[in-house]
Every structure is written in C-alpha cells, then in structure tokens.
Amino acid sequence: MSITKEQFINGLNKALEWEYASAIQYVQHSAVITGAEYDSITKELIIHSNEEMAHAVNLSVLICDLGGTPTVEAEKRETSENSKTMLEQDLKGEEIAITLYKKLIKQAEELQEYGARRMLEDILIQEEEHRRDILNSLGR
C-alpha cells in the first residue's frame, strides 16, 4: 500500500467529521435516553462527548501540522425515540471510529509519522473504551 500525505490528511479529516458527529450525538442522546437501567450510561455519554471533542482538537492540530486544513463538516448524526436504539447508534459510531483509526495508524506508520501514530493509538484506546462502556450498558 502506498499512501500520500494528502490522502492521510483526507483520512484525518474524515475522522474529524466523525468526532464532531459523535460529540453532538452523545450530548443529544445523554439528554434524551430514559430509564433507570440507563442512568449510569447517560452520565458516561457526557464524558464521551468531551473526550470526542478533545480528539477533534488533537486531530485539527495534527492536520494543520501536516499542512492541511481541518474540516468544519460533521458526519451524519443519528437519533431515535428508543433508548436502546440510541445506544446501538452510538455503538455503531464507535465501531466505525475504531476501524478508521486502525487504518490511519497503519498509514501514519507507512509515512513514518510516528508522533501522529502515537496520538492516533491513544485515541483508538479511548474509542475502544467507549465501545466497552456502551456494550456493558446494553448487557453484552
């Protein structure tokens, strides 16, 4: 596989779009999800939202450092009137992010952007933690 810096920046911007969307979606879901069984996860979703915004800041700085311009676009957000469905939507978003970050980590390695790789690995670790939190709340 041969990746260019421009392609890598495009991938980082796609990740940034997902981070924006996740932060917005988590805020909305934390307010709308109801039911005693979801009390702890609604609080956790606010933490997730803040972490997603921190990821967005780090990605924006990295994109600029690489000579790109951070996007202001956000991926599509999802919502529902059903609490379990909203958590399934959040889980889907985390799984997309995990797949995307694994790809970006390989690309950073190929480009010998080791600082970028390390930052992306740190984000991946948090995304995997988010997935575990949501899976636990869904009883899986």
Protein backbone atom coordinates (compact mmCIF):
# COMPACT_ATOMS: atom_id res chain seq x y z
CA MET A 1 0.00 0.00 0.00
CA SER A 2 1.28 3.43 -0.87
CA ILE A 3 -0.24 6.43 0.86
CA THR A 4 0.42 10.09 0.19
CA LYS A 5 0.42 12.79 2.83
CA GLU A 6 -2.62 14.34 1.12
CA GLN A 7 -4.54 11.05 1.35
CA PHE A 8 -3.55 10.75 5.00
CA ILE A 9 -4.80 14.28 5.71
CA ASN A 10 -8.07 13.43 3.94
CA GLY A 11 -8.43 10.40 6.21
CA LEU A 12 -7.70 12.52 9.27
CA ASN A 13 -10.39 14.97 8.16
CA LYS A 14 -12.86 12.09 7.80
CA ALA A 15 -12.01 11.06 11.37
CA LEU A 16 -12.53 14.67 12.44
CA GLU A 17 -16.01 14.65 10.86
CA TRP A 18 -16.85 11.53 12.89
CA GLU A 19 -15.51 13.09 16.10
CA TYR A 20 -17.71 16.18 15.64
CA ALA A 21 -20.74 14.00 14.93
CA SER A 22 -20.08 11.73 17.91
CA ALA A 23 -19.74 14.65 20.31
CA ILE A 24 -23.05 16.15 19.13
CA GLN A 25 -24.83 12.80 19.14
CA TYR A 26 -23.61 11.92 22.64
CA VAL A 27 -24.86 15.22 24.06
CA GLN A 28 -28.28 14.72 22.50
CA HIS A 29 -28.53 11.06 23.48
CA SER A 30 -27.47 11.72 27.07
CA ALA A 31 -30.38 14.16 27.39
CA VAL A 32 -32.99 12.01 25.63
CA ILE A 33 -32.21 8.48 26.85
CA THR A 34 -34.58 7.47 29.64
CA GLY A 35 -34.93 4.57 32.01
CA ALA A 36 -33.30 3.66 35.29
CA GLU A 37 -31.25 0.96 33.57
CA TYR A 38 -29.52 3.67 31.51
CA ASP A 39 -28.80 6.14 34.33
CA SER A 40 -25.06 5.44 34.53
CA ILE A 41 -24.50 5.41 30.75
CA THR A 42 -26.22 8.78 30.25
CA LYS A 43 -23.64 10.31 32.59
CA GLU A 44 -20.87 8.43 30.78
CA LEU A 45 -22.05 9.76 27.41
CA ILE A 46 -21.27 13.32 28.54
CA ILE A 47 -17.73 12.17 29.37
CA HIS A 48 -17.54 10.50 25.95
CA SER A 49 -18.68 13.73 24.29
CA ASN A 50 -15.92 15.72 25.99
CA GLU A 51 -13.35 13.09 25.00
CA GLU A 52 -14.56 13.19 21.38
CA MET A 53 -14.10 16.98 21.35
CA ALA A 54 -10.56 16.54 22.72
CA HIS A 55 -9.91 14.08 19.89
CA ALA A 56 -11.23 16.70 17.44
CA VAL A 57 -8.85 19.32 18.81
CA ASN A 58 -5.88 16.95 18.56
CA LEU A 59 -6.82 15.91 15.03
CA SER A 60 -7.21 19.56 13.98
CA VAL A 61 -3.74 20.42 15.26
CA LEU A 62 -2.25 17.36 13.55
CA ILE A 63 -3.93 18.21 10.25
CA CYS A 64 -2.50 21.75 10.43
CA ASP A 65 0.94 20.42 11.37
CA LEU A 66 0.86 18.24 8.25
CA GLY A 67 -0.05 21.21 6.05
CA GLY A 68 -3.78 20.62 5.76
CA THR A 69 -6.89 22.48 6.81
CA PRO A 70 -9.23 20.92 9.38
CA THR A 71 -12.77 20.39 8.17
CA VAL A 72 -15.79 22.03 9.77
CA GLU A 73 -18.14 19.38 8.37
CA ALA A 74 -19.70 16.73 10.60
CA GLU A 75 -20.75 13.23 9.66
CA LYS A 76 -24.45 12.37 9.82
CA ARG A 77 -25.84 12.10 13.32
CA GLU A 78 -28.47 9.57 14.33
CA THR A 79 -31.19 9.64 16.94
CA SER A 80 -34.29 7.73 17.93
CA GLU A 81 -37.12 7.80 20.44
CA ASN A 82 -35.95 4.44 21.77
CA SER A 83 -33.14 4.45 24.35
CA LYS A 84 -31.70 1.09 23.33
CA THR A 85 -31.70 2.11 19.66
CA MET A 86 -29.77 5.28 20.51
CA LEU A 87 -27.11 3.23 22.29
CA GLU A 88 -26.95 0.91 19.27
CA GLN A 89 -26.37 4.01 17.12
CA ASP A 90 -23.58 5.11 19.46
CA LEU A 91 -22.05 1.63 19.32
CA LYS A 92 -22.11 1.72 15.52
CA GLY A 93 -20.29 5.06 15.58
CA GLU A 94 -17.59 3.71 17.87
CA GLU A 95 -17.09 0.67 15.65
CA ILE A 96 -16.70 2.91 12.61
CA ALA A 97 -14.18 5.05 14.52
CA ILE A 98 -12.18 2.01 15.65
CA THR A 99 -11.92 0.71 12.08
CA LEU A 100 -10.95 4.16 10.80
CA TYR A 101 -8.28 4.73 13.46
CA LYS A 102 -6.70 1.32 12.83
CA LYS A 103 -6.38 2.26 9.16
CA LEU A 104 -4.96 5.71 9.98
CA ILE A 105 -2.40 4.18 12.37
CA LYS A 106 -1.10 1.94 9.58
CA GLN A 107 -0.93 4.92 7.23
CA ALA A 108 0.95 7.03 9.79
CA GLU A 109 3.45 4.19 10.19
CA GLU A 110 3.91 3.97 6.42
CA LEU A 111 4.53 7.73 6.22
CA GLN A 112 6.94 7.48 9.18
CA GLU A 113 4.77 9.97 11.09
CA TYR A 114 5.49 8.36 14.46
CA GLY A 115 4.10 11.19 16.59
CA ALA A 116 0.87 11.04 14.60
CA ARG A 117 0.78 7.27 15.00
CA ARG A 118 1.15 7.57 18.78
CA MET A 119 -1.60 10.17 19.03
CA LEU A 120 -3.91 8.03 16.90
CA GLU A 121 -3.15 4.98 19.06
CA ASP A 122 -4.14 6.97 22.15
CA ILE A 123 -7.41 7.99 20.50
CA LEU A 124 -8.04 4.38 19.45
CA ILE A 125 -7.62 3.22 23.05
CA GLN A 126 -10.31 5.68 24.18
CA GLU A 127 -12.65 4.68 21.35
CA GLU A 128 -12.29 1.04 22.41
CA GLU A 129 -13.12 2.07 25.99
CA HIS A 130 -16.22 3.88 24.73
CA ARG A 131 -17.30 0.75 22.87
CA ARG A 132 -16.87 -1.33 26.05
CA ASP A 133 -18.93 1.17 28.07
CA ILE A 134 -21.77 1.03 25.55
CA LEU A 135 -21.63 -2.76 25.25
CA ASN A 136 -21.82 -3.04 29.04
CA SER A 137 -24.85 -0.74 29.15
CA LEU A 138 -26.52 -2.94 26.52
CA GLY A 139 -25.85 -6.02 28.66
CA ARG A 140 -23.35 -7.58 26.26
